[in-house]
C-alpha atoms as a PDB file:
ATOM      1  CA  MET A   1       0.000   0.000   0.000  1.00  0.00           C
ATOM      2  CA  ILE A   2       1.225   3.508  -0.810  1.00  0.00           C
ATOM      3  CA  ASN A   3      -0.069   6.504   1.113  1.00  0.00           C
ATOM      4  CA  ASN A   4      -0.150   9.280  -1.458  1.00  0.00           C
ATOM      5  CA  GLU A   5       0.251  11.941   1.191  1.00  0.00           C
ATOM      6  CA  TRP A   6       3.749  10.491   1.630  1.00  0.00           C
ATOM      7  CA  GLY A   7       3.312  10.078   5.359  1.00  0.00           C
ATOM      8  CA  PHE A   8       4.403   6.457   5.074  1.00  0.00           C
ATOM      9  CA  ILE A   9       4.874   3.566   2.707  1.00  0.00           C
ATOM     10  CA  THR A  10       4.153   0.005   3.736  1.00  0.00           C
ATOM     11  CA  PHE A  11       4.395  -3.230   1.791  1.00  0.00           C
ATOM     12  CA  PRO A  12       3.214  -6.754   2.497  1.00  0.00           C
ATOM     13  CA  THR A  13       6.100  -8.773   3.884  1.00  0.00           C
ATOM     14  CA  HIS A  14       5.898 -11.186   0.965  1.00  0.00           C
ATOM     15  CA  THR A  15       6.296  -8.453  -1.706  1.00  0.00           C
ATOM     16  CA  ASP A  16       9.225  -9.317  -3.952  1.00  0.00           C
ATOM     17  CA  PRO A  17      12.148  -6.907  -4.516  1.00  0.00           C
ATOM     18  CA  GLU A  18      10.914  -5.831  -7.940  1.00  0.00           C
ATOM     19  CA  GLN A  19       7.508  -4.736  -6.661  1.00  0.00           C
ATOM     20  CA  ARG A  20       9.046  -2.899  -3.696  1.00  0.00           C
ATOM     21  CA  ALA A  21      11.404  -1.027  -6.013  1.00  0.00           C
ATOM     22  CA  ILE A  22       8.599  -0.121  -8.426  1.00  0.00           C
ATOM     23  CA  ALA A  23       6.469   1.189  -5.549  1.00  0.00           C
ATOM     24  CA  ARG A  24       9.368   3.375  -4.400  1.00  0.00           C
ATOM     25  CA  LEU A  25       9.818   4.743  -7.914  1.00  0.00           C
ATOM     26  CA  LYS A  26       6.126   5.561  -8.207  1.00  0.00           C
ATOM     27  CA  ILE A  27       6.024   7.603  -5.019  1.00  0.00           C
ATOM     28  CA  ALA A  28       9.266   9.399  -5.940  1.00  0.00           C
ATOM     29  CA  SER A  29       7.731  10.199  -9.320  1.00  0.00           C
ATOM     30  CA  GLU A  30       4.688  11.741  -7.632  1.00  0.00           C
ATOM     31  CA  MET A  31       6.926  13.841  -5.384  1.00  0.00           C
ATOM     32  CA  SER A  32       9.016  15.014  -8.331  1.00  0.00           C
ATOM     33  CA  LEU A  33       6.001  16.018 -10.397  1.00  0.00           C
ATOM     34  CA  GLU A  34       4.325  17.868  -7.524  1.00  0.00           C
ATOM     35  CA  HIS A  35       7.291  19.648  -5.963  1.00  0.00           C
ATOM     36  CA  TYR A  36       9.722  20.030  -8.872  1.00  0.00           C
ATOM     37  CA  LYS A  37       7.202  20.088 -11.731  1.00  0.00           C
ATOM     38  CA  THR A  38       9.528  17.808 -13.666  1.00  0.00           C
ATOM     39  CA  PRO A  39       9.746  14.036 -14.196  1.00  0.00           C
ATOM     40  CA  LEU A  40      11.982  11.874 -12.049  1.00  0.00           C
ATOM     41  CA  LEU A  41      15.589  11.991 -13.291  1.00  0.00           C
ATOM     42  CA  LEU A  42      17.413   8.653 -13.428  1.00  0.00           C
ATOM     43  CA  THR A  43      21.213   8.706 -13.243  1.00  0.00           C
ATOM     44  CA  HIS A  44      22.879   6.159 -15.533  1.00  0.00           C
ATOM     45  CA  SER A  45      26.571   5.336 -15.055  1.00  0.00           C
ATOM     46  CA  GLY A  46      26.684   2.616 -17.682  1.00  0.00           C
ATOM     47  CA  GLY A  47      26.791  -0.035 -14.962  1.00  0.00           C
ATOM     48  CA  LYS A  48      24.536  -2.983 -14.189  1.00  0.00           C
ATOM     49  CA  ASP A  49      22.623  -1.230 -11.383  1.00  0.00           C
ATOM     50  CA  SER A  50      21.717   1.633 -13.700  1.00  0.00           C
ATOM     51  CA  CYS A  51      20.388  -0.894 -16.210  1.00  0.00           C
ATOM     52  CA  VAL A  52      18.178  -2.433 -13.515  1.00  0.00           C
ATOM     53  CA  LEU A  53      16.968   1.018 -12.440  1.00  0.00           C
ATOM     54  CA  THR A  54      16.014   1.994 -15.986  1.00  0.00           C
ATOM     55  CA  GLU A  55      14.122  -1.231 -16.639  1.00  0.00           C
ATOM     56  CA  LEU A  56      12.232  -0.856 -13.349  1.00  0.00           C
ATOM     57  CA  ALA A  57      11.206   2.700 -14.268  1.00  0.00           C
ATOM     58  CA  LEU A  58       9.887   1.427 -17.591  1.00  0.00           C
ATOM     59  CA  ARG A  59       7.880  -1.281 -15.815  1.00  0.00           C
ATOM     60  CA  ALA A  60       6.581   1.283 -13.309  1.00  0.00           C
ATOM     61  CA  GLU A  61       5.121   3.220 -16.278  1.00  0.00           C
ATOM     62  CA  ILE A  62       6.124   6.577 -14.787  1.00  0.00           C
ATOM     63  CA  PRO A  63       7.395   9.624 -16.687  1.00  0.00           C
ATOM     64  CA  PHE A  64      11.162   9.869 -16.334  1.00  0.00           C
ATOM     65  CA  GLU A  65      14.331  11.167 -17.961  1.00  0.00           C
ATOM     66  CA  VAL A  66      17.851   9.723 -17.918  1.00  0.00           C
ATOM     67  CA  LEU A  67      21.155  11.500 -17.281  1.00  0.00           C
ATOM     68  CA  HIS A  68      24.727  10.267 -17.747  1.00  0.00           C
ATOM     69  CA  ALA A  69      27.715  12.123 -16.292  1.00  0.00           C
ATOM     70  CA  HIS A  70      30.643  11.851 -18.677  1.00  0.00           C
ATOM     71  CA  THR A  71      33.667  11.575 -16.350  1.00  0.00           C
ATOM     72  CA  THR A  72      36.316  11.668 -19.133  1.00  0.00           C
ATOM     73  CA  ALA A  73      37.985   8.593 -17.544  1.00  0.00           C
ATOM     74  CA  ASP A  74      35.420   5.934 -18.431  1.00  0.00           C
ATOM     75  CA  ALA A  75      36.428   2.922 -20.491  1.00  0.00           C
ATOM     76  CA  PRO A  76      35.684   3.190 -24.230  1.00  0.00           C
ATOM     77  CA  GLU A  77      33.258   0.263 -23.916  1.00  0.00           C
ATOM     78  CA  THR A  78      31.279   2.154 -21.284  1.00  0.00           C
ATOM     79  CA  VAL A  79      31.076   5.273 -23.451  1.00  0.00           C
ATOM     80  CA  HIS A  80      29.821   3.216 -26.407  1.00  0.00           C
ATOM     81  CA  PHE A  81      27.390   1.250 -24.248  1.00  0.00           C
ATOM     82  CA  VAL A  82      25.813   4.425 -22.841  1.00  0.00           C
ATOM     83  CA  ARG A  83      25.395   5.853 -26.327  1.00  0.00           C
ATOM     84  CA  ASN A  84      23.723   2.670 -27.564  1.00  0.00           C
ATOM     85  CA  GLU A  85      21.544   2.432 -24.461  1.00  0.00           C
ATOM     86  CA  PHE A  86      20.428   6.047 -24.847  1.00  0.00           C
ATOM     87  CA  ALA A  87      19.567   5.432 -28.490  1.00  0.00           C
ATOM     88  CA  ARG A  88      17.449   2.448 -27.392  1.00  0.00           C
ATOM     89  CA  LEU A  89      15.653   4.529 -24.758  1.00  0.00           C
ATOM     90  CA  GLU A  90      15.141   7.525 -27.044  1.00  0.00           C
ATOM     91  CA  ASN A  91      13.451   5.206 -29.534  1.00  0.00           C
ATOM     92  CA  ARG A  92      10.945   4.538 -26.754  1.00  0.00           C
ATOM     93  CA  GLY A  93      10.349   8.256 -26.241  1.00  0.00           C
ATOM     94  CA  ILE A  94      12.599   8.651 -23.170  1.00  0.00           C
ATOM     95  CA  ARG A  95      14.567  11.882 -22.977  1.00  0.00           C
ATOM     96  CA  CYS A  96      18.280  11.184 -22.385  1.00  0.00           C
ATOM     97  CA  SER A  97      21.165  13.608 -21.878  1.00  0.00           C
ATOM     98  CA  ILE A  98      24.904  13.516 -21.251  1.00  0.00           C
ATOM     99  CA  ASN A  99      26.490  16.107 -18.970  1.00  0.00           C
ATOM    100  CA  TYR A 100      30.112  17.131 -19.394  1.00  0.00           C
ATOM    101  CA  PRO A 101      31.966  18.199 -16.223  1.00  0.00           C
ATOM    102  CA  LEU A 102      32.602  21.805 -15.236  1.00  0.00           C
ATOM    103  CA  TYR A 103      35.013  23.200 -12.660  1.00  0.00           C
ATOM    104  CA  LYS A 104      34.661  26.855 -11.711  1.00  0.00           C
ATOM    105  CA  SER A 105      32.284  27.298 -14.653  1.00  0.00           C
ATOM    106  CA  ARG A 106      34.761  25.909 -17.204  1.00  0.00           C
ATOM    107  CA  ARG A 107      34.900  22.544 -18.955  1.00  0.00           C
ATOM    108  CA  THR A 108      37.264  20.181 -17.211  1.00  0.00           C
ATOM    109  CA  SER A 109      38.460  16.578 -17.158  1.00  0.00           C
ATOM    110  CA  MET A 110      40.220  14.139 -14.869  1.00  0.00           C
ATOM    111  CA  TRP A 111      43.514  15.148 -16.471  1.00  0.00           C
ATOM    112  CA  ASP A 112      42.839  18.852 -15.895  1.00  0.00           C
ATOM    113  CA  LEU A 113      41.692  18.393 -12.286  1.00  0.00           C
ATOM    114  CA  ILE A 114      44.821  16.593 -11.064  1.00  0.00           C
ATOM    115  CA  PRO A 115      47.198  19.551 -11.683  1.00  0.00           C
ATOM    116  CA  ARG A 116      44.573  21.968 -10.355  1.00  0.00           C
ATOM    117  CA  LYS A 117      44.112  19.995  -7.125  1.00  0.00           C
ATOM    118  CA  LEU A 118      47.877  19.463  -6.723  1.00  0.00           C
ATOM    119  CA  MET A 119      47.339  15.796  -5.872  1.00  0.00           C
ATOM    120  CA  PRO A 120      45.969  12.591  -7.405  1.00  0.00           C
ATOM    121  CA  PRO A 121      42.463  11.461  -6.466  1.00  0.00           C
ATOM    122  CA  THR A 122      42.575   8.969  -3.594  1.00  0.00           C
ATOM    123  CA  ARG A 123      40.192   6.838  -1.565  1.00  0.00           C
ATOM    124  CA  VAL A 124      40.189   9.614   1.053  1.00  0.00           C
ATOM    125  CA  ALA A 125      40.246  12.692  -1.199  1.00  0.00           C
ATOM    126  CA  ARG A 126      37.669  11.835  -3.867  1.00  0.00           C
ATOM    127  CA  TYR A 127      37.422  15.271  -5.424  1.00  0.00           C
ATOM    128  CA  CYS A 128      37.014  13.583  -8.794  1.00  0.00           C
ATOM    129  CA  CYS A 129      33.573  12.234  -7.863  1.00  0.00           C
ATOM    130  CA  ALA A 130      32.477  15.603  -6.472  1.00  0.00           C
ATOM    131  CA  VAL A 131      33.390  17.427  -9.692  1.00  0.00           C
ATOM    132  CA  LEU A 132      32.926  14.845 -12.427  1.00  0.00           C
ATOM    133  CA  LYS A 133      29.712  13.176 -11.220  1.00  0.00           C
ATOM    134  CA  GLU A 134      27.983  14.717  -8.232  1.00  0.00           C
ATOM    135  CA  GLN A 135      27.353  18.212  -9.644  1.00  0.00           C
ATOM    136  CA  ASN A 136      24.672  16.892 -11.960  1.00  0.00           C
ATOM    137  CA  GLY A 137      20.942  17.002 -11.444  1.00  0.00           C
ATOM    138  CA  LYS A 138      20.603  20.273  -9.566  1.00  0.00           C
ATOM    139  CA  GLY A 139      16.972  21.215  -9.044  1.00  0.00           C
ATOM    140  CA  ARG A 140      15.713  17.698  -9.781  1.00  0.00           C
ATOM    141  CA  PHE A 141      14.487  14.676  -7.843  1.00  0.00           C
ATOM    142  CA  LEU A 142      17.047  11.976  -8.655  1.00  0.00           C
ATOM    143  CA  ALA A 143      16.853   8.190  -8.813  1.00  0.00           C
ATOM    144  CA  THR A 144      20.071   6.177  -8.498  1.00  0.00           C
ATOM    145  CA  GLY A 145      21.165   2.559  -8.511  1.00  0.00           C
ATOM    146  CA  VAL A 146      23.050   2.860  -5.212  1.00  0.00           C
ATOM    147  CA  ARG A 147      23.018  -0.375  -3.186  1.00  0.00           C
ATOM    148  CA  TRP A 148      24.058  -1.249   0.356  1.00  0.00           C
ATOM    149  CA  ALA A 149      25.867  -4.356  -0.892  1.00  0.00           C
ATOM    150  CA  GLU A 150      28.391  -2.216  -2.777  1.00  0.00           C
ATOM    151  CA  SER A 151      30.335  -1.012   0.265  1.00  0.00           C
ATOM    152  CA  VAL A 152      30.332  -0.810   4.056  1.00  0.00           C
ATOM    153  CA  ASN A 153      30.061   2.976   3.872  1.00  0.00           C
ATOM    154  CA  ARG A 154      26.950   2.830   1.701  1.00  0.00           C
ATOM    155  CA  SER A 155      25.385   0.211   3.953  1.00  0.00           C
ATOM    156  CA  LYS A 156      25.757   2.610   6.880  1.00  0.00           C
ATOM    157  CA  ARG A 157      24.932   5.951   5.259  1.00  0.00           C
ATOM    158  CA  ARG A 158      22.583   5.571   2.324  1.00  0.00           C
ATOM    159  CA  GLY A 159      18.802   5.275   2.465  1.00  0.00           C
ATOM    160  CA  ILE A 160      15.786   4.405   0.338  1.00  0.00           C
ATOM    161  CA  PHE A 161      14.820   8.091   0.252  1.00  0.00           C
ATOM    162  CA  GLU A 162      17.313  10.878   0.977  1.00  0.00           C
ATOM    163  CA  LYS A 163      17.633  14.626   1.272  1.00  0.00           C
ATOM    164  CA  HIS A 164      21.158  15.997   0.896  1.00  0.00           C
ATOM    165  CA  VAL A 165      22.088  19.485   2.137  1.00  0.00           C
ATOM    166  CA  SER A 166      25.391  21.280   2.640  1.00  0.00           C
ATOM    167  CA  ASN A 167      25.310  20.516   6.376  1.00  0.00           C
ATOM    168  CA  ARG A 168      25.611  16.722   6.577  1.00  0.00           C
ATOM    169  CA  ASP A 169      24.229  16.718  10.117  1.00  0.00           C
ATOM    170  CA  LYS A 170      20.895  17.872   8.685  1.00  0.00           C
ATOM    171  CA  GLU A 171      20.671  15.326   5.901  1.00  0.00           C
ATOM    172  CA  VAL A 172      17.732  12.926   5.828  1.00  0.00           C
ATOM    173  CA  HIS A 173      18.221   9.203   5.194  1.00  0.00           C
ATOM    174  CA  ILE A 174      15.077   7.069   5.302  1.00  0.00           C
ATOM    175  CA  ARG A 175      16.214   3.476   5.571  1.00  0.00           C
ATOM    176  CA  ASN A 176      13.026   1.438   5.726  1.00  0.00           C
ATOM    177  CA  ASP A 177       9.629   1.479   4.082  1.00  0.00           C
ATOM    178  CA  GLU A 178       7.709   2.116   7.285  1.00  0.00           C
ATOM    179  CA  GLU A 179       9.361   5.456   8.103  1.00  0.00           C
ATOM    180  CA  SER A 180       7.559   8.749   7.545  1.00  0.00           C
ATOM    181  CA  LEU A 181       8.589  10.660   4.439  1.00  0.00           C
ATOM    182  CA  ASP A 182       7.567  14.053   5.853  1.00  0.00           C
ATOM    183  CA  ALA A 183      11.176  15.032   6.570  1.00  0.00           C
ATOM    184  CA  LEU A 184      12.048  14.986   2.864  1.00  0.00           C
ATOM    185  CA  PHE A 185      10.200  18.267   2.317  1.00  0.00           C
ATOM    186  CA  ALA A 186      10.140  19.699   5.849  1.00  0.00           C
ATOM    187  CA  PRO A 187      11.060  22.474   5.665  1.00  0.00           C
ATOM    188  CA  CYS A 188      10.362  22.597   1.937  1.00  0.00           C
ATOM    189  CA  ARG A 189      13.686  23.707   0.500  1.00  0.00           C
ATOM    190  CA  LEU A 190      13.994  22.788  -3.138  1.00  0.00           C
ATOM    191  CA  ALA A 191      17.672  23.779  -3.029  1.00  0.00           C
ATOM    192  CA  ALA A 192      18.318  20.456  -1.304  1.00  0.00           C
ATOM    193  CA  LYS A 193      18.996  17.389  -3.438  1.00  0.00           C
ATOM    194  CA  ARG A 194      16.497  14.577  -3.026  1.00  0.00           C
ATOM    195  CA  PHE A 195      17.064  10.984  -4.033  1.00  0.00           C
ATOM    196  CA  VAL A 196      15.294   7.682  -4.272  1.00  0.00           C
ATOM    197  CA  ASN A 197      17.456   4.556  -4.300  1.00  0.00           C
ATOM    198  CA  PRO A 198      14.848   1.906  -5.157  1.00  0.00           C
ATOM    199  CA  ILE A 199      17.226  -1.080  -5.273  1.00  0.00           C
ATOM    200  CA  VAL A 200      19.339  -0.032  -2.294  1.00  0.00           C
ATOM    201  CA  ASP A 201      18.524  -3.285  -0.466  1.00  0.00           C
ATOM    202  CA  TRP A 202      19.124  -5.624  -3.432  1.00  0.00           C
ATOM    203  CA  SER A 203      21.897  -8.203  -3.314  1.00  0.00           C
ATOM    204  CA  ASN A 204      24.327  -8.783  -6.186  1.00  0.00           C
ATOM    205  CA  ARG A 205      22.506 -12.035  -6.926  1.00  0.00           C
ATOM    206  CA  GLU A 206      19.145 -10.259  -7.161  1.00  0.00           C
ATOM    207  CA  VAL A 207      20.641  -7.725  -9.593  1.00  0.00           C
ATOM    208  CA  TRP A 208      22.062 -10.377 -11.906  1.00  0.00           C
ATOM    209  CA  ASP A 209      18.957 -12.568 -11.706  1.00  0.00           C
ATOM    210  CA  PHE A 210      16.811  -9.593 -12.708  1.00  0.00           C
ATOM    211  CA  LEU A 211      19.090  -8.688 -15.622  1.00  0.00           C
ATOM    212  CA  HIS A 212      19.107 -12.284 -16.833  1.00  0.00           C
ATOM    213  CA  ASP A 213      15.339 -12.593 -16.658  1.00  0.00           C
ATOM    214  CA  ALA A 214      14.748  -9.176 -18.261  1.00  0.00           C
ATOM    215  CA  ARG A 215      17.152  -9.915 -21.125  1.00  0.00           C
ATOM    216  CA  ILE A 216      18.210  -6.292 -21.409  1.00  0.00           C
ATOM    217  CA  PRO A 217      21.622  -5.081 -22.655  1.00  0.00           C
ATOM    218  CA  VAL A 218      24.479  -4.908 -20.132  1.00  0.00           C
ATOM    219  CA  ASN A 219      27.891  -3.257 -20.356  1.00  0.00           C
ATOM    220  CA  PRO A 220      30.181  -5.812 -22.084  1.00  0.00           C
ATOM    221  CA  LEU A 221      32.984  -5.134 -19.584  1.00  0.00           C
ATOM    222  CA  TYR A 222      31.210  -7.366 -17.064  1.00  0.00           C
ATOM    223  CA  PHE A 223      32.092 -10.283 -19.325  1.00  0.00           C
ATOM    224  CA  CYS A 224      35.738  -9.190 -19.619  1.00  0.00           C
ATOM    225  CA  GLY A 225      36.870  -9.532 -16.004  1.00  0.00           C
ATOM    226  CA  PHE A 226      35.321  -6.349 -14.587  1.00  0.00           C
ATOM    227  CA  SER A 227      33.116  -6.409 -11.485  1.00  0.00           C
ATOM    228  CA  ARG A 228      32.656  -2.614 -11.615  1.00  0.00           C
ATOM    229  CA  VAL A 229      32.714  -0.216 -14.576  1.00  0.00           C
ATOM    230  CA  GLY A 230      33.690   3.122 -13.072  1.00  0.00           C
ATOM    231  CA  CYS A 231      36.580   5.368 -14.035  1.00  0.00           C
ATOM    232  CA  ILE A 232      39.736   3.646 -15.227  1.00  0.00           C
ATOM    233  CA  GLY A 233      42.296   3.904 -12.422  1.00  0.00           C
ATOM    234  CA  CYS A 234      39.772   4.679  -9.688  1.00  0.00           C
ATOM    235  CA  PRO A 235      41.511   4.145  -6.298  1.00  0.00           C
ATOM    236  CA  MET A 236      38.363   2.407  -5.048  1.00  0.00           C
ATOM    237  CA  ALA A 237      39.170  -0.461  -7.454  1.00  0.00           C
ATOM    238  CA  GLY A 238      42.296  -1.377  -5.449  1.00  0.00           C
ATOM    239  CA  LYS A 239      44.691  -3.810  -7.124  1.00  0.00           C
ATOM    240  CA  HIS A 240      42.268  -4.339 -10.009  1.00  0.00           C
ATOM    241  CA  ARG A 241      43.775  -1.144 -11.407  1.00  0.00           C
ATOM    242  CA  TYR A 242      46.775  -3.184 -12.616  1.00  0.00           C
ATOM    243  CA  PHE A 243      44.376  -5.174 -14.789  1.00  0.00           C
ATOM    244  CA  GLU A 244      42.733  -1.974 -16.019  1.00  0.00           C
ATOM    245  CA  PHE A 245      46.004  -0.319 -17.006  1.00  0.00           C
ATOM    246  CA  ALA A 246      47.192  -3.503 -18.730  1.00  0.00           C
ATOM    247  CA  ARG A 247      44.023  -3.383 -20.831  1.00  0.00           C
ATOM    248  CA  TYR A 248      44.133   0.396 -21.370  1.00  0.00           C
ATOM    249  CA  PRO A 249      47.795   1.510 -21.381  1.00  0.00           C
ATOM    250  CA  GLN A 250      46.783   4.842 -22.916  1.00  0.00           C
ATOM    251  CA  TYR A 251      45.021   5.729 -19.649  1.00  0.00           C
ATOM    252  CA  GLU A 252      48.204   5.099 -17.677  1.00  0.00           C
ATOM    253  CA  LYS A 253      49.963   7.520 -20.020  1.00  0.00           C
ATOM    254  CA  LEU A 254      47.252  10.134 -19.427  1.00  0.00           C
ATOM    255  CA  TYR A 255      47.662   9.824 -15.656  1.00  0.00           C
ATOM    256  CA  LEU A 256      51.449  10.079 -15.951  1.00  0.00           C
ATOM    257  CA  MET A 257      51.122  13.236 -18.051  1.00  0.00           C
ATOM    258  CA  ALA A 258      48.685  14.695 -15.503  1.00  0.00           C
ATOM    259  CA  PHE A 259      51.036  13.812 -12.613  1.00  0.00           C
ATOM    260  CA  ASP A 260      53.897  15.478 -14.459  1.00  0.00           C
ATOM    261  CA  ARG A 261      51.872  18.686 -14.833  1.00  0.00           C
ATOM    262  CA  MET A 262      50.821  18.385 -11.181  1.00  0.00           C
ATOM    263  CA  LEU A 263      54.451  18.231 -10.027  1.00  0.00           C
ATOM    264  CA  GLU A 264      55.311  21.192 -12.221  1.00  0.00           C
ATOM    265  CA  GLU A 265      52.473  23.176 -10.677  1.00  0.00           C
ATOM    266  CA  ARG A 266      53.510  22.159  -7.157  1.00  0.00           C
ATOM    267  CA  ARG A 267      57.044  23.374  -7.866  1.00  0.00           C
ATOM    268  CA  ARG A 268      55.712  26.617  -9.295  1.00  0.00           C
ATOM    269  CA  ARG A 269      53.699  27.182  -6.116  1.00  0.00           C
ATOM    270  CA  GLU A 270      56.625  26.026  -3.952  1.00  0.00           C
ATOM    271  CA  ARG A 271      54.531  23.167  -2.557  1.00  0.00           C
ATOM    272  CA  ILE A 272      57.445  20.736  -2.461  1.00  0.00           C
ATOM    273  CA  ASP A 273      57.666  18.168   0.303  1.00  0.00           C
ATOM    274  CA  GLY A 274      60.750  16.473   1.693  1.00  0.00           C
ATOM    275  CA  SER A 275      59.936  13.000   0.417  1.00  0.00           C
ATOM    276  CA  TRP A 276      59.643  13.740  -3.276  1.00  0.00           C
ATOM    277  CA  GLY A 277      61.641  16.938  -3.499  1.00  0.00           C
ATOM    278  CA  LYS A 278      62.062  19.088  -6.548  1.00  0.00           C
ATOM    279  CA  ASP A 279      63.324  16.184  -8.654  1.00  0.00           C
ATOM    280  CA  ALA A 280      60.295  13.949  -8.100  1.00  0.00           C
ATOM    281  CA  THR A 281      58.969  12.217 -11.200  1.00  0.00           C
ATOM    282  CA  ALA A 282      55.517  11.338 -12.461  1.00  0.00           C
ATOM    283  CA  GLU A 283      56.489   7.656 -12.247  1.00  0.00           C
ATOM    284  CA  GLU A 284      57.176   8.009  -8.504  1.00  0.00           C
ATOM    285  CA  VAL A 285      53.791   9.624  -8.002  1.00  0.00           C
ATOM    286  CA  PHE A 286      52.163   6.851 -10.031  1.00  0.00           C
ATOM    287  CA  HIS A 287      53.732   4.097  -7.908  1.00  0.00           C
ATOM    288  CA  TRP A 288      52.719   5.901  -4.713  1.00  0.00           C
ATOM    289  CA  TRP A 289      49.199   6.287  -6.058  1.00  0.00           C
ATOM    290  CA  MET A 290      49.057   2.589  -6.969  1.00  0.00           C
ATOM    291  CA  GLU A 291      50.134   1.834  -3.373  1.00  0.00           C
ATOM    292  CA  ASP A 292      53.276   0.010  -4.431  1.00  0.00           C
ATOM    293  CA  ASP A 293      55.599  -0.759  -1.521  1.00  0.00           C
ATOM    294  CA  PHE A 294      59.003  -0.529  -3.116  1.00  0.00           C
ATOM    295  CA  ILE A 295      59.440   3.226  -3.608  1.00  0.00           C
ATOM    296  CA  PRO A 296      62.221   4.489  -1.326  1.00  0.00           C
ATOM    297  CA  GLY A 297      61.141   7.325   0.946  1.00  0.00           C
ATOM    298  CA  GLN A 298      57.600   7.490  -0.417  1.00  0.00           C
ATOM    299  CA  MET A 299      55.067   9.460   1.590  1.00  0.00           C
ATOM    300  CA  SER A 300      52.105   8.099   3.417  1.00  0.00           C
ATOM    301  CA  LEU A 301      48.683   9.328   2.325  1.00  0.00           C
ATOM    302  CA  GLU A 302      48.399  11.335   5.535  1.00  0.00           C
ATOM    303  CA  GLU A 303      51.729  13.077   4.856  1.00  0.00           C
ATOM    304  CA  PHE A 304      50.663  13.931   1.303  1.00  0.00           C
ATOM    305  CA  LEU A 305      47.349  15.395   2.399  1.00  0.00           C
ATOM    306  CA  TYR A 306      49.140  17.397   5.103  1.00  0.00           C
ATOM    307  CA  VAL A 307      51.523  19.102   2.692  1.00  0.00           C
ATOM    308  CA  CYS A 308      48.625  19.888   0.358  1.00  0.00           C
END
């Protein structure tokens, strides 16, 4: 049962994951249309969870649009898959758009950000996500494929419905279907970002079972040794980055060039630390970034962040 005043949502305990997710999408769609006067906006990364989200929205028969954030560091297969997927959706009358990243009102890229930030992106300092992906969808109610099973942090912080504001202490994270939804629009500040994560409680098995049964296209990288299809070289991928750079050596070259410009900019600003010194090389930065253990005198992450 869905209470259309959004005071609460309840489902029979036997409701399957697909029906729960569709019900969540329907109520988010109603909220978006009433408060934002626009359809629900689905974010599509090119990954499997985005494919599930899109298919569920189609089955929910709600009005929606789809947005992809072009990070500039995605694998070529992901770029091509998103283009093909958007063509498929547009043939069904779905509006799709691709956003290109901006930094201080100017077009940017991963390779431009690294020299500007004076450091590589890391698991702690994920400025790349903030600039390349999270700026999108301002003034819209967003639907994502975020799932608790993806990481410990997401299992602790993310909700079914969310309101994000600049002060994290005032964010709203509704984590079960029996909670009141009043806090999402109380006080009603449309400047806040609001999200629905309809498959947040799905397991990896449920995702793949759904995709198999639905027989919808999936990024081909999943059949080439990839368990995730984010940016090439993402620190969150850990040692899998060695596999990624072996497959895409041109991306390693792009990072090395960006690290070289970063070091040049650090020297220009006299931001030189004792470990690397003025003669530090892009290769040394790359090995530090890859968390190799054999670089003499390499800095810890904490030391690097301190000098920045």
